[in-house]
Amino acid sequence: MIVFPNCKINLGLHVVSKRADGFHELETVFYPLPLTDALEVISPCSLQFAASGIAVPGNSADNLCLKAWQLLKQDFRALPEVNIHLHKNIPIGAGLGGGSADAAFMLQLLNNRFQLGITEERLLIYAAQLGSDCPFFIQNKPCYATGRGEIMTPIDLDLSGWSFVLVYPGIHINTGWAFSRITPKAPALSLRENILQPVETWQHTISNDFEAPVLDAHPELAAIKEKLYAAGAVYAAMSGSGSAFVGIFPKNKTAGITFDTGYKVFTL
């Protein structure tokens, strides 16, 4: 069985406060985009994990797809061992949620393949144990998110009439480092209100708190945002904790945009 975990972008991101549990209270809007990995599970066989495409850092035993299987195995003892193959296409450490998507899709794949009968509500609980962004990919619809990102409210946001350009400069941003550079502060106006205004106004009203410290550490990235606007984007910003940037363009108005060699550019 094969599925195709998609990425997400953050439209605005505010670090509102530091919580007693050590996490941060956030405010953001998640929006899914069709840049995907490929995730395949084969059974019956011995438990294995393999990856291709973009190199996956770290030990394979720490991969979130494998951890998703282990998490369900604790409650479903009859869950068989599987052969997992992940083909990575979504850049890693880019703020696009690729690893979180893989984990969430793995939960859903196992639930469907082996008819575990897990409800969406319960899948959300499992997903939250794997990562703050994981629950989004269970619903995979535009939403306003608070808490660590796991408290989601669906919103009526349809950007199908626009085109997107994602630019990944090949710089991996450590999320812990990014949070350490932020001074939490509640925004003057709620993102939930600003996101429902015309897209053409977002340049002046919607921001990402992580953008300033990342650009301070990597000033060369400012040119990406500038080039997106120069090419006709109505809104451009960093996604998540970076370092990928997203530009929103009028439909089919993205031809001819070029970036430095070594940058990955995806037009959606």
C-alpha atoms as a PDB file:
ATOM      1  CA  MET A   1       0.000   0.000   0.000  1.00  0.00           C
ATOM      2  CA  ILE A   2       1.385   3.404  -0.972  1.00  0.00           C
ATOM      3  CA  VAL A   3       0.400   6.922   0.066  1.00  0.00           C
ATOM      4  CA  PHE A   4       1.786  10.354  -0.743  1.00  0.00           C
ATOM      5  CA  PRO A   5       2.332  12.592   2.318  1.00  0.00           C
ATOM      6  CA  ASN A   6       2.065  16.242   1.324  1.00  0.00           C
ATOM      7  CA  CYS A   7       3.745  19.310   2.753  1.00  0.00           C
ATOM      8  CA  LYS A   8       2.225  22.307   4.500  1.00  0.00           C
ATOM      9  CA  ILE A   9       3.074  25.960   4.701  1.00  0.00           C
ATOM     10  CA  ASN A  10       2.597  28.334   7.593  1.00  0.00           C
ATOM     11  CA  LEU A  11       0.754  31.505   6.712  1.00  0.00           C
ATOM     12  CA  GLY A  12       1.863  33.662   9.589  1.00  0.00           C
ATOM     13  CA  LEU A  13       3.394  32.324  12.796  1.00  0.00           C
ATOM     14  CA  HIS A  14       3.462  33.986  16.205  1.00  0.00           C
ATOM     15  CA  VAL A  15       5.173  32.689  19.335  1.00  0.00           C
ATOM     16  CA  VAL A  16       2.724  34.027  21.897  1.00  0.00           C
ATOM     17  CA  SER A  17       4.138  32.795  25.223  1.00  0.00           C
ATOM     18  CA  LYS A  18       6.372  30.239  26.962  1.00  0.00           C
ATOM     19  CA  ARG A  19       4.371  27.490  28.689  1.00  0.00           C
ATOM     20  CA  ALA A  20       4.978  25.867  32.060  1.00  0.00           C
ATOM     21  CA  ASP A  21       5.639  22.529  30.314  1.00  0.00           C
ATOM     22  CA  GLY A  22       8.584  24.016  28.404  1.00  0.00           C
ATOM     23  CA  PHE A  23       6.747  24.272  25.088  1.00  0.00           C
ATOM     24  CA  HIS A  24       5.560  27.492  23.466  1.00  0.00           C
ATOM     25  CA  GLU A  25       2.063  28.761  22.839  1.00  0.00           C
ATOM     26  CA  LEU A  26       1.741  29.422  19.105  1.00  0.00           C
ATOM     27  CA  GLU A  27      -0.650  31.003  16.668  1.00  0.00           C
ATOM     28  CA  THR A  28      -0.434  30.031  13.017  1.00  0.00           C
ATOM     29  CA  VAL A  29      -2.408  29.024   9.944  1.00  0.00           C
ATOM     30  CA  PHE A  30      -1.571  25.709   8.287  1.00  0.00           C
ATOM     31  CA  TYR A  31      -2.275  25.300   4.598  1.00  0.00           C
ATOM     32  CA  PRO A  32      -1.623  22.045   2.663  1.00  0.00           C
ATOM     33  CA  LEU A  33       0.213  22.033  -0.658  1.00  0.00           C
ATOM     34  CA  PRO A  34       0.724  19.161  -3.162  1.00  0.00           C
ATOM     35  CA  LEU A  35       4.494  18.717  -2.813  1.00  0.00           C
ATOM     36  CA  THR A  36       4.737  15.106  -1.654  1.00  0.00           C
ATOM     37  CA  ASP A  37       6.877  12.256  -0.401  1.00  0.00           C
ATOM     38  CA  ALA A  38       5.992   8.636  -1.214  1.00  0.00           C
ATOM     39  CA  LEU A  39       5.428   6.139   1.600  1.00  0.00           C
ATOM     40  CA  GLU A  40       5.001   2.410   0.957  1.00  0.00           C
ATOM     41  CA  VAL A  41       4.242  -0.410   3.395  1.00  0.00           C
ATOM     42  CA  ILE A  42       4.550  -4.088   2.519  1.00  0.00           C
ATOM     43  CA  SER A  43       3.452  -7.005   4.684  1.00  0.00           C
ATOM     44  CA  PRO A  44       3.828  -9.679   5.866  1.00  0.00           C
ATOM     45  CA  CYS A  45       7.568  -9.440   6.445  1.00  0.00           C
ATOM     46  CA  SER A  46      10.058  -8.545   9.151  1.00  0.00           C
ATOM     47  CA  LEU A  47      10.105  -4.972  10.449  1.00  0.00           C
ATOM     48  CA  GLN A  48      12.353  -2.876   8.216  1.00  0.00           C
ATOM     49  CA  PHE A  49      12.765   0.776   7.263  1.00  0.00           C
ATOM     50  CA  ALA A  50      14.534   2.115   4.186  1.00  0.00           C
ATOM     51  CA  ALA A  51      14.669   5.541   2.584  1.00  0.00           C
ATOM     52  CA  SER A  52      15.571   6.960  -0.818  1.00  0.00           C
ATOM     53  CA  GLY A  53      15.547  10.375  -2.436  1.00  0.00           C
ATOM     54  CA  ILE A  54      16.714  13.199  -0.160  1.00  0.00           C
ATOM     55  CA  ALA A  55      19.030  11.796   2.497  1.00  0.00           C
ATOM     56  CA  VAL A  56      17.251  11.322   5.818  1.00  0.00           C
ATOM     57  CA  PRO A  57      19.577  12.335   8.683  1.00  0.00           C
ATOM     58  CA  GLY A  58      20.062  10.306  11.848  1.00  0.00           C
ATOM     59  CA  ASN A  59      19.502   6.665  12.674  1.00  0.00           C
ATOM     60  CA  SER A  60      16.675   4.921  10.810  1.00  0.00           C
ATOM     61  CA  ALA A  61      15.431   3.629  14.180  1.00  0.00           C
ATOM     62  CA  ASP A  62      14.529   7.218  15.040  1.00  0.00           C
ATOM     63  CA  ASN A  63      12.442   7.832  11.925  1.00  0.00           C
ATOM     64  CA  LEU A  64       8.913   9.004  12.688  1.00  0.00           C
ATOM     65  CA  CYS A  65       7.355   6.440  10.335  1.00  0.00           C
ATOM     66  CA  LEU A  66       8.883   3.638  12.389  1.00  0.00           C
ATOM     67  CA  LYS A  67       7.893   5.399  15.614  1.00  0.00           C
ATOM     68  CA  ALA A  68       4.302   5.600  14.332  1.00  0.00           C
ATOM     69  CA  TRP A  69       4.253   1.829  13.846  1.00  0.00           C
ATOM     70  CA  GLN A  70       5.724   1.312  17.333  1.00  0.00           C
ATOM     71  CA  LEU A  71       3.149   3.649  18.869  1.00  0.00           C
ATOM     72  CA  LEU A  72       0.228   1.708  17.402  1.00  0.00           C
ATOM     73  CA  LYS A  73       1.856  -1.621  18.235  1.00  0.00           C
ATOM     74  CA  GLN A  74       1.613  -0.730  21.947  1.00  0.00           C
ATOM     75  CA  ASP A  75      -2.193  -0.701  21.722  1.00  0.00           C
ATOM     76  CA  PHE A  76      -2.739  -3.160  18.861  1.00  0.00           C
ATOM     77  CA  ARG A  77      -0.615  -6.175  19.714  1.00  0.00           C
ATOM     78  CA  ALA A  78      -1.789  -8.032  16.595  1.00  0.00           C
ATOM     79  CA  LEU A  79      -0.393  -5.330  14.302  1.00  0.00           C
ATOM     80  CA  PRO A  80       2.022  -7.217  12.036  1.00  0.00           C
ATOM     81  CA  GLU A  81       5.575  -6.204  11.238  1.00  0.00           C
ATOM     82  CA  VAL A  82       5.932  -4.295   7.997  1.00  0.00           C
ATOM     83  CA  ASN A  83       8.536  -3.279   5.450  1.00  0.00           C
ATOM     84  CA  ILE A  84       8.534   0.533   5.231  1.00  0.00           C
ATOM     85  CA  HIS A  85       9.994   2.426   2.296  1.00  0.00           C
ATOM     86  CA  LEU A  86      10.026   6.228   2.329  1.00  0.00           C
ATOM     87  CA  HIS A  87      11.016   8.222  -0.735  1.00  0.00           C
ATOM     88  CA  LYS A  88      11.858  11.760   0.432  1.00  0.00           C
ATOM     89  CA  ASN A  89      11.071  14.634  -1.864  1.00  0.00           C
ATOM     90  CA  ILE A  90       9.988  17.315   0.634  1.00  0.00           C
ATOM     91  CA  PRO A  91      13.111  19.132   1.861  1.00  0.00           C
ATOM     92  CA  ILE A  92      14.122  18.385   5.457  1.00  0.00           C
ATOM     93  CA  GLY A  93      14.459  21.148   8.046  1.00  0.00           C
ATOM     94  CA  ALA A  94      12.663  23.537   5.720  1.00  0.00           C
ATOM     95  CA  GLY A  95       9.557  24.431   7.739  1.00  0.00           C
ATOM     96  CA  LEU A  96       7.344  22.407   5.384  1.00  0.00           C
ATOM     97  CA  GLY A  97       6.361  19.652   7.818  1.00  0.00           C
ATOM     98  CA  GLY A  98       7.587  16.745   5.704  1.00  0.00           C
ATOM     99  CA  GLY A  99       8.563  14.496   8.611  1.00  0.00           C
ATOM    100  CA  SER A 100       5.313  15.244  10.426  1.00  0.00           C
ATOM    101  CA  ALA A 101       3.338  14.430   7.291  1.00  0.00           C
ATOM    102  CA  ASP A 102       5.144  11.108   6.895  1.00  0.00           C
ATOM    103  CA  ALA A 103       4.291  10.145  10.484  1.00  0.00           C
ATOM    104  CA  ALA A 104       0.632  11.132  10.208  1.00  0.00           C
ATOM    105  CA  PHE A 105       0.178   9.351   6.880  1.00  0.00           C
ATOM    106  CA  MET A 106       1.840   6.278   8.374  1.00  0.00           C
ATOM    107  CA  LEU A 107      -0.746   6.201  11.166  1.00  0.00           C
ATOM    108  CA  GLN A 108      -3.561   6.476   8.646  1.00  0.00           C
ATOM    109  CA  LEU A 109      -2.020   3.900   6.315  1.00  0.00           C
ATOM    110  CA  LEU A 110      -1.698   1.322   9.104  1.00  0.00           C
ATOM    111  CA  ASN A 111      -5.216   2.067  10.318  1.00  0.00           C
ATOM    112  CA  ASN A 112      -6.660   1.527   6.843  1.00  0.00           C
ATOM    113  CA  ARG A 113      -4.452  -1.357   5.748  1.00  0.00           C
ATOM    114  CA  PHE A 114      -5.044  -3.446   8.857  1.00  0.00           C
ATOM    115  CA  GLN A 115      -8.591  -2.246   9.611  1.00  0.00           C
ATOM    116  CA  LEU A 116      -7.746  -1.107  13.132  1.00  0.00           C
ATOM    117  CA  GLY A 117     -10.903   0.984  13.406  1.00  0.00           C
ATOM    118  CA  ILE A 118      -9.173   4.007  14.914  1.00  0.00           C
ATOM    119  CA  THR A 119     -11.366   7.107  14.822  1.00  0.00           C
ATOM    120  CA  GLU A 120     -10.068  10.440  13.544  1.00  0.00           C
ATOM    121  CA  GLU A 121     -10.291  11.839  17.076  1.00  0.00           C
ATOM    122  CA  ARG A 122      -8.037   9.065  18.368  1.00  0.00           C
ATOM    123  CA  LEU A 123      -5.657   9.378  15.411  1.00  0.00           C
ATOM    124  CA  LEU A 124      -5.205  13.030  16.364  1.00  0.00           C
ATOM    125  CA  ILE A 125      -4.166  11.946  19.871  1.00  0.00           C
ATOM    126  CA  TYR A 126      -1.640   9.468  18.487  1.00  0.00           C
ATOM    127  CA  ALA A 127      -0.313  12.060  16.053  1.00  0.00           C
ATOM    128  CA  ALA A 128       0.245  14.631  18.814  1.00  0.00           C
ATOM    129  CA  GLN A 129       2.528  12.131  20.561  1.00  0.00           C
ATOM    130  CA  LEU A 130       4.760  12.066  17.481  1.00  0.00           C
ATOM    131  CA  GLY A 131       5.098  15.810  16.944  1.00  0.00           C
ATOM    132  CA  SER A 132       3.371  19.158  17.263  1.00  0.00           C
ATOM    133  CA  ASP A 133       2.659  19.465  13.523  1.00  0.00           C
ATOM    134  CA  CYS A 134       1.548  15.857  13.043  1.00  0.00           C
ATOM    135  CA  PRO A 135      -2.155  16.288  13.960  1.00  0.00           C
ATOM    136  CA  PHE A 136      -2.611  18.783  11.126  1.00  0.00           C
ATOM    137  CA  PHE A 137      -1.909  16.102   8.537  1.00  0.00           C
ATOM    138  CA  ILE A 138      -4.661  13.853   9.895  1.00  0.00           C
ATOM    139  CA  GLN A 139      -7.253  16.435   8.843  1.00  0.00           C
ATOM    140  CA  ASN A 140      -5.054  17.997   6.130  1.00  0.00           C
ATOM    141  CA  LYS A 141      -7.297  21.027   5.611  1.00  0.00           C
ATOM    142  CA  PRO A 142      -6.652  24.743   6.100  1.00  0.00           C
ATOM    143  CA  CYS A 143      -6.855  25.542   9.791  1.00  0.00           C
ATOM    144  CA  TYR A 144      -6.056  28.104  12.441  1.00  0.00           C
ATOM    145  CA  ALA A 145      -3.802  26.416  14.991  1.00  0.00           C
ATOM    146  CA  THR A 146      -2.954  27.286  18.579  1.00  0.00           C
ATOM    147  CA  GLY A 147      -1.355  25.492  21.534  1.00  0.00           C
ATOM    148  CA  ARG A 148       1.778  23.752  20.247  1.00  0.00           C
ATOM    149  CA  GLY A 149       0.045  23.694  16.873  1.00  0.00           C
ATOM    150  CA  GLU A 150      -2.163  20.727  17.756  1.00  0.00           C
ATOM    151  CA  ILE A 151      -5.334  22.692  18.639  1.00  0.00           C
ATOM    152  CA  MET A 152      -6.898  23.253  15.240  1.00  0.00           C
ATOM    153  CA  THR A 153      -9.957  25.115  14.024  1.00  0.00           C
ATOM    154  CA  PRO A 154     -10.882  24.648  10.352  1.00  0.00           C
ATOM    155  CA  ILE A 155     -11.118  27.904   8.420  1.00  0.00           C
ATOM    156  CA  ASP A 156     -12.703  28.784   5.103  1.00  0.00           C
ATOM    157  CA  LEU A 157      -9.530  29.561   3.161  1.00  0.00           C
ATOM    158  CA  ASP A 158      -9.397  28.574  -0.505  1.00  0.00           C
ATOM    159  CA  LEU A 159      -6.212  29.526  -2.352  1.00  0.00           C
ATOM    160  CA  SER A 160      -6.854  27.319  -5.381  1.00  0.00           C
ATOM    161  CA  GLY A 161      -7.043  30.445  -7.529  1.00  0.00           C
ATOM    162  CA  TRP A 162      -3.382  31.242  -6.810  1.00  0.00           C
ATOM    163  CA  SER A 163      -0.036  29.698  -7.742  1.00  0.00           C
ATOM    164  CA  PHE A 164       2.771  28.985  -5.282  1.00  0.00           C
ATOM    165  CA  VAL A 165       6.542  29.002  -5.537  1.00  0.00           C
ATOM    166  CA  LEU A 166       8.486  27.242  -2.778  1.00  0.00           C
ATOM    167  CA  VAL A 167      12.192  28.013  -2.535  1.00  0.00           C
ATOM    168  CA  TYR A 168      14.465  25.921  -0.318  1.00  0.00           C
ATOM    169  CA  PRO A 169      18.041  27.239  -0.108  1.00  0.00           C
ATOM    170  CA  GLY A 170      19.486  24.050   1.346  1.00  0.00           C
ATOM    171  CA  ILE A 171      19.979  25.433   4.850  1.00  0.00           C
ATOM    172  CA  HIS A 172      18.712  23.215   7.668  1.00  0.00           C
ATOM    173  CA  ILE A 173      17.254  25.287  10.516  1.00  0.00           C
ATOM    174  CA  ASN A 174      17.192  23.574  13.906  1.00  0.00           C
ATOM    175  CA  THR A 175      13.790  24.215  15.464  1.00  0.00           C
ATOM    176  CA  GLY A 176      15.164  24.352  19.020  1.00  0.00           C
ATOM    177  CA  TRP A 177      17.730  26.941  17.962  1.00  0.00           C
ATOM    178  CA  ALA A 178      15.027  28.992  16.238  1.00  0.00           C
ATOM    179  CA  PHE A 179      12.821  29.035  19.353  1.00  0.00           C
ATOM    180  CA  SER A 180      15.807  30.113  21.475  1.00  0.00           C
ATOM    181  CA  ARG A 181      16.055  33.292  19.377  1.00  0.00           C
ATOM    182  CA  ILE A 182      12.423  34.296  19.940  1.00  0.00           C
ATOM    183  CA  THR A 183      11.032  36.588  22.640  1.00  0.00           C
ATOM    184  CA  PRO A 184       7.387  35.487  22.969  1.00  0.00           C
ATOM    185  CA  LYS A 185       4.840  38.237  22.467  1.00  0.00           C
ATOM    186  CA  ALA A 186       1.111  38.273  21.755  1.00  0.00           C
ATOM    187  CA  PRO A 187       0.330  39.903  18.378  1.00  0.00           C
ATOM    188  CA  ALA A 188      -1.647  43.128  18.279  1.00  0.00           C
ATOM    189  CA  LEU A 189      -4.235  41.567  15.954  1.00  0.00           C
ATOM    190  CA  SER A 190      -5.234  37.927  15.769  1.00  0.00           C
ATOM    191  CA  LEU A 191      -3.961  36.007  12.774  1.00  0.00           C
ATOM    192  CA  ARG A 192      -7.363  34.340  12.633  1.00  0.00           C
ATOM    193  CA  GLU A 193      -8.842  37.699  11.595  1.00  0.00           C
ATOM    194  CA  ASN A 194      -6.053  38.844   9.278  1.00  0.00           C
ATOM    195  CA  ILE A 195      -5.959  35.599   7.283  1.00  0.00           C
ATOM    196  CA  LEU A 196      -9.535  36.133   6.098  1.00  0.00           C
ATOM    197  CA  GLN A 197      -8.655  39.484   4.511  1.00  0.00           C
ATOM    198  CA  PRO A 198      -7.725  39.636   0.783  1.00  0.00           C
ATOM    199  CA  VAL A 199      -4.417  37.928  -0.016  1.00  0.00           C
ATOM    200  CA  GLU A 200      -3.143  41.192  -1.488  1.00  0.00           C
ATOM    201  CA  THR A 201      -3.195  42.730   2.019  1.00  0.00           C
ATOM    202  CA  TRP A 202      -1.170  39.983   3.729  1.00  0.00           C
ATOM    203  CA  GLN A 203       2.185  41.571   2.904  1.00  0.00           C
ATOM    204  CA  HIS A 204       1.400  44.281   5.452  1.00  0.00           C
ATOM    205  CA  THR A 205      -0.528  42.274   8.066  1.00  0.00           C
ATOM    206  CA  ILE A 206       0.782  38.689   8.263  1.00  0.00           C
ATOM    207  CA  SER A 207       4.291  37.867   9.519  1.00  0.00           C
ATOM    208  CA  ASN A 208       6.409  34.996  10.833  1.00  0.00           C
ATOM    209  CA  ASP A 209       8.241  35.596  14.129  1.00  0.00           C
ATOM    210  CA  PHE A 210      11.001  33.186  13.093  1.00  0.00           C
ATOM    211  CA  GLU A 211      11.885  35.113   9.965  1.00  0.00           C
ATOM    212  CA  ALA A 212      13.891  37.874  11.684  1.00  0.00           C
ATOM    213  CA  PRO A 213      16.278  35.614  13.658  1.00  0.00           C
ATOM    214  CA  VAL A 214      16.786  33.251  10.716  1.00  0.00           C
ATOM    215  CA  LEU A 215      17.587  36.142   8.373  1.00  0.00           C
ATOM    216  CA  ASP A 216      19.875  37.605  11.020  1.00  0.00           C
ATOM    217  CA  ALA A 217      21.850  34.340  11.072  1.00  0.00           C
ATOM    218  CA  HIS A 218      21.638  33.852   7.303  1.00  0.00           C
ATOM    219  CA  PRO A 219      21.346  37.339   5.735  1.00  0.00           C
ATOM    220  CA  GLU A 220      21.712  35.902   2.232  1.00  0.00           C
ATOM    221  CA  LEU A 221      18.174  34.485   2.532  1.00  0.00           C
ATOM    222  CA  ALA A 222      16.643  37.979   2.422  1.00  0.00           C
ATOM    223  CA  ALA A 223      17.330  37.955  -1.333  1.00  0.00           C
ATOM    224  CA  ILE A 224      14.872  35.074  -1.779  1.00  0.00           C
ATOM    225  CA  LYS A 225      11.984  37.083  -0.409  1.00  0.00           C
ATOM    226  CA  GLU A 226      13.021  40.148  -2.403  1.00  0.00           C
ATOM    227  CA  LYS A 227      13.217  38.142  -5.630  1.00  0.00           C
ATOM    228  CA  LEU A 228       9.769  36.594  -5.066  1.00  0.00           C
ATOM    229  CA  TYR A 229       8.233  40.040  -4.704  1.00  0.00           C
ATOM    230  CA  ALA A 230      10.187  41.371  -7.677  1.00  0.00           C
ATOM    231  CA  ALA A 231       8.842  38.475  -9.758  1.00  0.00           C
ATOM    232  CA  GLY A 232       5.250  39.419  -8.949  1.00  0.00           C
ATOM    233  CA  ALA A 233       4.348  37.655  -5.708  1.00  0.00           C
ATOM    234  CA  VAL A 234       1.507  39.305  -3.795  1.00  0.00           C
ATOM    235  CA  TYR A 235       2.756  37.691  -0.573  1.00  0.00           C
ATOM    236  CA  ALA A 236       6.099  36.132   0.346  1.00  0.00           C
ATOM    237  CA  ALA A 237       7.382  34.862   3.677  1.00  0.00           C
ATOM    238  CA  MET A 238       9.323  32.107   5.372  1.00  0.00           C
ATOM    239  CA  SER A 239       7.365  28.986   6.303  1.00  0.00           C
ATOM    240  CA  GLY A 240       7.518  27.660   9.861  1.00  0.00           C
ATOM    241  CA  SER A 241      10.957  27.908  11.434  1.00  0.00           C
ATOM    242  CA  GLY A 242      12.477  27.952   7.922  1.00  0.00           C
ATOM    243  CA  SER A 243      14.418  27.996   5.806  1.00  0.00           C
ATOM    244  CA  ALA A 244      11.976  27.524   2.914  1.00  0.00           C
ATOM    245  CA  PHE A 245      10.203  30.595   1.559  1.00  0.00           C
ATOM    246  CA  VAL A 246       6.816  30.638  -0.110  1.00  0.00           C
ATOM    247  CA  GLY A 247       5.588  33.122  -2.669  1.00  0.00           C
ATOM    248  CA  ILE A 248       1.926  33.428  -3.630  1.00  0.00           C
ATOM    249  CA  PHE A 249       1.359  34.554  -7.228  1.00  0.00           C
ATOM    250  CA  PRO A 250      -1.605  35.225  -9.479  1.00  0.00           C
ATOM    251  CA  LYS A 251      -2.575  31.954 -11.155  1.00  0.00           C
ATOM    252  CA  ASN A 252      -0.083  30.786 -13.797  1.00  0.00           C
ATOM    253  CA  LYS A 253       2.129  33.878 -13.373  1.00  0.00           C
ATOM    254  CA  THR A 254       5.250  32.082 -12.136  1.00  0.00           C
ATOM    255  CA  ALA A 255       7.138  31.494 -15.395  1.00  0.00           C
ATOM    256  CA  GLY A 256      10.748  32.579 -15.660  1.00  0.00           C
ATOM    257  CA  ILE A 257      11.603  32.754 -11.949  1.00  0.00           C
ATOM    258  CA  THR A 258      15.169  31.578 -11.377  1.00  0.00           C
ATOM    259  CA  PHE A 259      17.313  31.258  -8.255  1.00  0.00           C
ATOM    260  CA  ASP A 260      20.900  30.433  -7.409  1.00  0.00           C
ATOM    261  CA  THR A 261      22.222  27.022  -8.342  1.00  0.00           C
ATOM    262  CA  GLY A 262      21.719  24.660  -5.446  1.00  0.00           C
ATOM    263  CA  TYR A 263      18.362  26.112  -4.419  1.00  0.00           C
ATOM    264  CA  LYS A 264      15.401  23.776  -4.788  1.00  0.00           C
ATOM    265  CA  VAL A 265      12.447  25.523  -6.409  1.00  0.00           C
ATOM    266  CA  PHE A 266       8.970  24.010  -6.593  1.00  0.00           C
ATOM    267  CA  THR A 267       6.120  25.600  -8.564  1.00  0.00           C
ATOM    268  CA  LEU A 268       2.671  24.431  -7.453  1.00  0.00           C
END
